[in-house]
Structures are given as C-alpha cells and as structure tokens.
C-alpha atoms as a PDB file:
ATOM      1  CA  UNK A   1      -6.716  15.578   7.875  1.00  0.00           C
ATOM      2  CA  UNK A   2      -9.291  13.475   9.686  1.00  0.00           C
ATOM      3  CA  UNK A   3     -11.775  16.276   9.034  1.00  0.00           C
ATOM      4  CA  UNK A   4     -11.426  15.585   5.303  1.00  0.00           C
ATOM      5  CA  UNK A   5     -12.412  11.914   5.630  1.00  0.00           C
ATOM      6  CA  UNK A   6     -16.169  12.544   5.412  1.00  0.00           C
ATOM      7  CA  UNK A   7     -15.556  14.402   2.136  1.00  0.00           C
ATOM      8  CA  UNK A   8     -13.255  11.801   0.546  1.00  0.00           C
ATOM      9  CA  UNK A   9     -15.980  10.464  -1.738  1.00  0.00           C
ATOM     10  CA  UNK A  10     -17.312  13.916  -2.672  1.00  0.00           C
ATOM     11  CA  UNK A  11     -16.995  14.249  -6.484  1.00  0.00           C
ATOM     12  CA  UNK A  12     -16.932  18.056  -6.295  1.00  0.00           C
ATOM     13  CA  UNK A  13     -14.038  18.039  -3.820  1.00  0.00           C
ATOM     14  CA  UNK A  14     -12.194  15.485  -5.938  1.00  0.00           C
ATOM     15  CA  UNK A  15     -12.654  17.615  -9.063  1.00  0.00           C
ATOM     16  CA  UNK A  16     -11.402  20.735  -7.247  1.00  0.00           C
ATOM     17  CA  UNK A  17      -8.431  18.795  -5.849  1.00  0.00           C
ATOM     18  CA  UNK A  18      -7.480  17.538  -9.327  1.00  0.00           C
ATOM     19  CA  UNK A  19      -7.800  21.052 -10.777  1.00  0.00           C
ATOM     20  CA  UNK A  20      -5.592  22.611  -8.084  1.00  0.00           C
ATOM     21  CA  UNK A  21      -3.035  19.818  -8.456  1.00  0.00           C
ATOM     22  CA  UNK A  22      -2.985  20.234 -12.251  1.00  0.00           C
ATOM     23  CA  UNK A  23      -2.455  23.991 -11.930  1.00  0.00           C
ATOM     24  CA  UNK A  24       0.469  23.378  -9.574  1.00  0.00           C
ATOM     25  CA  UNK A  25       2.031  20.892 -11.998  1.00  0.00           C
ATOM     26  CA  UNK A  26       1.608  23.339 -14.896  1.00  0.00           C
ATOM     27  CA  UNK A  27       3.272  26.057 -12.822  1.00  0.00           C
ATOM     28  CA  UNK A  28       6.161  23.725 -11.944  1.00  0.00           C
ATOM     29  CA  UNK A  29       6.542  22.617 -15.586  1.00  0.00           C
ATOM     30  CA  UNK A  30       6.602  26.251 -16.753  1.00  0.00           C
ATOM     31  CA  UNK A  31       9.272  27.183 -14.192  1.00  0.00           C
ATOM     32  CA  UNK A  32      11.406  24.193 -15.143  1.00  0.00           C
ATOM     33  CA  UNK A  33      11.120  25.074 -18.829  1.00  0.00           C
ATOM     34  CA  UNK A  34      12.158  28.643 -18.000  1.00  0.00           C
ATOM     35  CA  UNK A  35      15.199  27.423 -16.011  1.00  0.00           C
ATOM     36  CA  UNK A  36      16.304  24.486 -18.161  1.00  0.00           C
ATOM     37  CA  UNK A  37      14.672  24.845 -21.563  1.00  0.00           C
ATOM     38  CA  UNK A  38      13.100  21.390 -21.208  1.00  0.00           C
ATOM     39  CA  UNK A  39       9.382  21.242 -21.994  1.00  0.00           C
ATOM     40  CA  UNK A  40       7.572  18.857 -19.653  1.00  0.00           C
ATOM     41  CA  UNK A  41       4.223  17.120 -19.870  1.00  0.00           C
ATOM     42  CA  UNK A  42       2.196  18.387 -16.876  1.00  0.00           C
ATOM     43  CA  UNK A  43      -0.007  15.278 -17.164  1.00  0.00           C
ATOM     44  CA  UNK A  44       2.959  13.021 -16.403  1.00  0.00           C
ATOM     45  CA  UNK A  45       3.775  11.650 -12.968  1.00  0.00           C
ATOM     46  CA  UNK A  46       6.269  13.998 -11.282  1.00  0.00           C
ATOM     47  CA  UNK A  47       9.013  12.076  -9.450  1.00  0.00           C
ATOM     48  CA  UNK A  48      10.955  14.667  -7.445  1.00  0.00           C
ATOM     49  CA  UNK A  49      14.100  14.349  -5.317  1.00  0.00           C
ATOM     50  CA  UNK A  50      15.463  17.604  -3.943  1.00  0.00           C
ATOM     51  CA  UNK A  51      18.108  17.921  -1.253  1.00  0.00           C
ATOM     52  CA  UNK A  52      21.778  18.756  -0.769  1.00  0.00           C
ATOM     53  CA  UNK A  53      23.800  16.809  -3.357  1.00  0.00           C
ATOM     54  CA  UNK A  54      25.903  14.214  -1.560  1.00  0.00           C
ATOM     55  CA  UNK A  55      27.041  10.652  -2.166  1.00  0.00           C
ATOM     56  CA  UNK A  56      24.967   9.284   0.705  1.00  0.00           C
ATOM     57  CA  UNK A  57      21.779  11.161  -0.298  1.00  0.00           C
ATOM     58  CA  UNK A  58      21.081   8.653  -3.111  1.00  0.00           C
ATOM     59  CA  UNK A  59      20.895  10.982  -6.101  1.00  0.00           C
ATOM     60  CA  UNK A  60      23.379   8.693  -7.863  1.00  0.00           C
ATOM     61  CA  UNK A  61      21.210   5.655  -7.143  1.00  0.00           C
ATOM     62  CA  UNK A  62      18.201   7.568  -8.461  1.00  0.00           C
ATOM     63  CA  UNK A  63      20.029   8.386 -11.721  1.00  0.00           C
ATOM     64  CA  UNK A  64      21.003   4.733 -12.148  1.00  0.00           C
ATOM     65  CA  UNK A  65      17.338   3.792 -11.703  1.00  0.00           C
ATOM     66  CA  UNK A  66      16.343   6.361 -14.339  1.00  0.00           C
ATOM     67  CA  UNK A  67      18.941   4.924 -16.748  1.00  0.00           C
ATOM     68  CA  UNK A  68      17.471   1.464 -16.121  1.00  0.00           C
ATOM     69  CA  UNK A  69      13.928   2.767 -16.790  1.00  0.00           C
ATOM     70  CA  UNK A  70      15.143   4.466 -19.986  1.00  0.00           C
ATOM     71  CA  UNK A  71      16.775   1.237 -21.188  1.00  0.00           C
ATOM     72  CA  UNK A  72      13.610  -0.760 -20.440  1.00  0.00           C
ATOM     73  CA  UNK A  73      11.440   1.705 -22.378  1.00  0.00           C
ATOM     74  CA  UNK A  74      13.881   1.601 -25.319  1.00  0.00           C
ATOM     75  CA  UNK A  75      13.487  -2.201 -25.498  1.00  0.00           C
ATOM     76  CA  UNK A  76       9.672  -2.053 -25.530  1.00  0.00           C
ATOM     77  CA  UNK A  77       7.455  -2.479 -28.550  1.00  0.00           C
ATOM     78  CA  UNK A  78       5.166   0.434 -29.474  1.00  0.00           C
ATOM     79  CA  UNK A  79       2.264  -1.528 -27.958  1.00  0.00           C
ATOM     80  CA  UNK A  80       4.128  -1.966 -24.668  1.00  0.00           C
ATOM     81  CA  UNK A  81       5.119   1.718 -24.636  1.00  0.00           C
ATOM     82  CA  UNK A  82       1.469   2.714 -24.978  1.00  0.00           C
ATOM     83  CA  UNK A  83       0.917   1.248 -21.483  1.00  0.00           C
ATOM     84  CA  UNK A  84       3.764   3.174 -19.825  1.00  0.00           C
ATOM     85  CA  UNK A  85       2.760   5.986 -17.475  1.00  0.00           C
ATOM     86  CA  UNK A  86       4.715   9.106 -18.536  1.00  0.00           C
ATOM     87  CA  UNK A  87       7.171  10.174 -15.837  1.00  0.00           C
ATOM     88  CA  UNK A  88       9.117  13.378 -15.236  1.00  0.00           C
ATOM     89  CA  UNK A  89      12.107  12.899 -12.931  1.00  0.00           C
ATOM     90  CA  UNK A  90      13.287  16.090 -11.273  1.00  0.00           C
ATOM     91  CA  UNK A  91      16.449  16.107  -9.188  1.00  0.00           C
ATOM     92  CA  UNK A  92      17.485  19.314  -7.520  1.00  0.00           C
ATOM     93  CA  UNK A  93      19.883  20.575  -4.924  1.00  0.00           C
ATOM     94  CA  UNK A  94      23.166  22.288  -4.342  1.00  0.00           C
ATOM     95  CA  UNK A  95      26.684  20.971  -3.941  1.00  0.00           C
ATOM     96  CA  UNK A  96      29.262  22.286  -1.519  1.00  0.00           C
ATOM     97  CA  UNK A  97      31.831  24.337  -3.500  1.00  0.00           C
ATOM     98  CA  UNK A  98      34.726  21.959  -2.838  1.00  0.00           C
ATOM     99  CA  UNK A  99      32.813  18.703  -3.086  1.00  0.00           C
ATOM    100  CA  UNK A 100      34.029  17.205  -6.369  1.00  0.00           C
ATOM    101  CA  UNK A 101      31.890  14.038  -6.260  1.00  0.00           C
ATOM    102  CA  UNK A 102      28.701  16.078  -5.833  1.00  0.00           C
ATOM    103  CA  UNK A 103      29.648  18.156  -8.862  1.00  0.00           C
ATOM    104  CA  UNK A 104      30.200  14.967 -10.850  1.00  0.00           C
ATOM    105  CA  UNK A 105      26.786  13.668  -9.804  1.00  0.00           C
ATOM    106  CA  UNK A 106      25.193  16.891 -11.074  1.00  0.00           C
ATOM    107  CA  UNK A 107      27.102  16.576 -14.372  1.00  0.00           C
ATOM    108  CA  UNK A 108      25.905  12.967 -14.691  1.00  0.00           C
ATOM    109  CA  UNK A 109      22.285  13.985 -14.050  1.00  0.00           C
ATOM    110  CA  UNK A 110      22.544  16.671 -16.729  1.00  0.00           C
ATOM    111  CA  UNK A 111      24.243  14.351 -19.249  1.00  0.00           C
ATOM    112  CA  UNK A 112      21.681  11.581 -18.753  1.00  0.00           C
ATOM    113  CA  UNK A 113      18.873  14.132 -18.985  1.00  0.00           C
ATOM    114  CA  UNK A 114      20.307  15.467 -22.243  1.00  0.00           C
ATOM    115  CA  UNK A 115      20.310  11.962 -23.729  1.00  0.00           C
ATOM    116  CA  UNK A 116      16.818  10.998 -22.535  1.00  0.00           C
ATOM    117  CA  UNK A 117      15.136  14.336 -23.233  1.00  0.00           C
ATOM    118  CA  UNK A 118      16.342  14.402 -26.847  1.00  0.00           C
ATOM    119  CA  UNK A 119      15.475  10.788 -27.676  1.00  0.00           C
ATOM    120  CA  UNK A 120      12.526  10.929 -30.075  1.00  0.00           C
ATOM    121  CA  UNK A 121      11.745   7.231 -29.415  1.00  0.00           C
ATOM    122  CA  UNK A 122      11.082   8.051 -25.768  1.00  0.00           C
ATOM    123  CA  UNK A 123       9.201  11.325 -26.302  1.00  0.00           C
ATOM    124  CA  UNK A 124       7.216  12.272 -23.199  1.00  0.00           C
ATOM    125  CA  UNK A 125       7.387   8.803 -21.620  1.00  0.00           C
ATOM    126  CA  UNK A 126      10.443   9.814 -19.594  1.00  0.00           C
ATOM    127  CA  UNK A 127      12.129  13.132 -18.896  1.00  0.00           C
ATOM    128  CA  UNK A 128      14.966  14.002 -16.518  1.00  0.00           C
ATOM    129  CA  UNK A 129      15.862  17.511 -15.411  1.00  0.00           C
ATOM    130  CA  UNK A 130      18.194  18.964 -12.831  1.00  0.00           C
ATOM    131  CA  UNK A 131      16.548  21.842 -10.957  1.00  0.00           C
ATOM    132  CA  UNK A 132      19.448  24.268 -10.394  1.00  0.00           C
ATOM    133  CA  UNK A 133      20.025  26.244  -7.199  1.00  0.00           C
ATOM    134  CA  UNK A 134      17.110  24.622  -5.394  1.00  0.00           C
ATOM    135  CA  UNK A 135      15.944  26.727  -2.428  1.00  0.00           C
ATOM    136  CA  UNK A 136      12.758  27.678  -0.567  1.00  0.00           C
ATOM    137  CA  UNK A 137      11.404  29.538  -3.597  1.00  0.00           C
ATOM    138  CA  UNK A 138      11.953  26.404  -5.681  1.00  0.00           C
ATOM    139  CA  UNK A 139      10.179  24.325  -3.047  1.00  0.00           C
ATOM    140  CA  UNK A 140       7.174  26.631  -3.209  1.00  0.00           C
ATOM    141  CA  UNK A 141       6.866  25.731  -6.891  1.00  0.00           C
ATOM    142  CA  UNK A 142       7.869  22.055  -6.919  1.00  0.00           C
ATOM    143  CA  UNK A 143       6.217  20.672  -3.785  1.00  0.00           C
ATOM    144  CA  UNK A 144       2.625  21.571  -4.712  1.00  0.00           C
ATOM    145  CA  UNK A 145       3.292  20.121  -8.161  1.00  0.00           C
ATOM    146  CA  UNK A 146       4.311  16.824  -6.620  1.00  0.00           C
ATOM    147  CA  UNK A 147       1.811  16.300  -3.834  1.00  0.00           C
ATOM    148  CA  UNK A 148      -0.757  13.704  -4.770  1.00  0.00           C
ATOM    149  CA  UNK A 149       0.880  13.485  -8.184  1.00  0.00           C
ATOM    150  CA  UNK A 150      -0.671  11.127 -10.676  1.00  0.00           C
END
C-alpha cells in the first residue's frame, strides 16, 4: 500500500478507482436484487455486516440501530431528508440449525427490511436486506462492493 502513496493525488487513478468501485457496487446490487427482489441504489453507501448469526455477533444491535435510523428519517422534514446520505444495510450469514435465537434474529432482520424497503416516505434513503446463505461466493460479490464505499 505504501507504493500507492505517491499516486494518491493522481486524478486518473482516482477516476479509475471510483469506476471500479462503482462497477463492484452495481454487481453487488444486481446479485442482491436477484436473491431478494429488493432493488438497491448502487450510489448509496453500502453498510455490510456478514458473519455467522449469533447473539454475541451484534446483528441484533445493528438491526436496532437501523430501526433508530429509520425512525429519525421518518421524523425529518423533506428539507432535512435531502441532506441524508442514502444507505443500504446488508446483513448476511448463516444460523446453526438448532439455534432458535439466531433464526429469530434473521426473521427480525427480514421483517424490519420489509417495513423499511416498502416505505415510500423513505424511498432510497435507507434499505435493509438479509443476504441469505452467505459464503465465499457471496463474499466475492459483496466485499468489493463495500471497500472504499461512499
């Protein structure tokens, strides 16, 4: 990475970086739409948490934060909403077959996503999707879409 430092202010490199990043986000958005049916704004900030679903892995805390963000956006005036950076929250992972609490967390993520994603007042300002059966192939799509996300 230190070899990139001399090129950090290079406008051509920056333009190429943005183009590659945008392509990765478009690819991730297309895959998520294919899997979930939810159309995402590839220009939004991608906020991604993927790991084994477990109480101590903080997916539940993340969902509570998303609910808080949703509530705050709902309270805003149209002028205030115009200043909000659109955000796509993606939570993915798998639950152990017998782990009931993990299954409930996944159901909560999906239920909250259903509410937020269909709220016309919110539009593209906030989206929440659960990426099902996350694995290495999913990582190959999501990680490049997240890195350096803006």
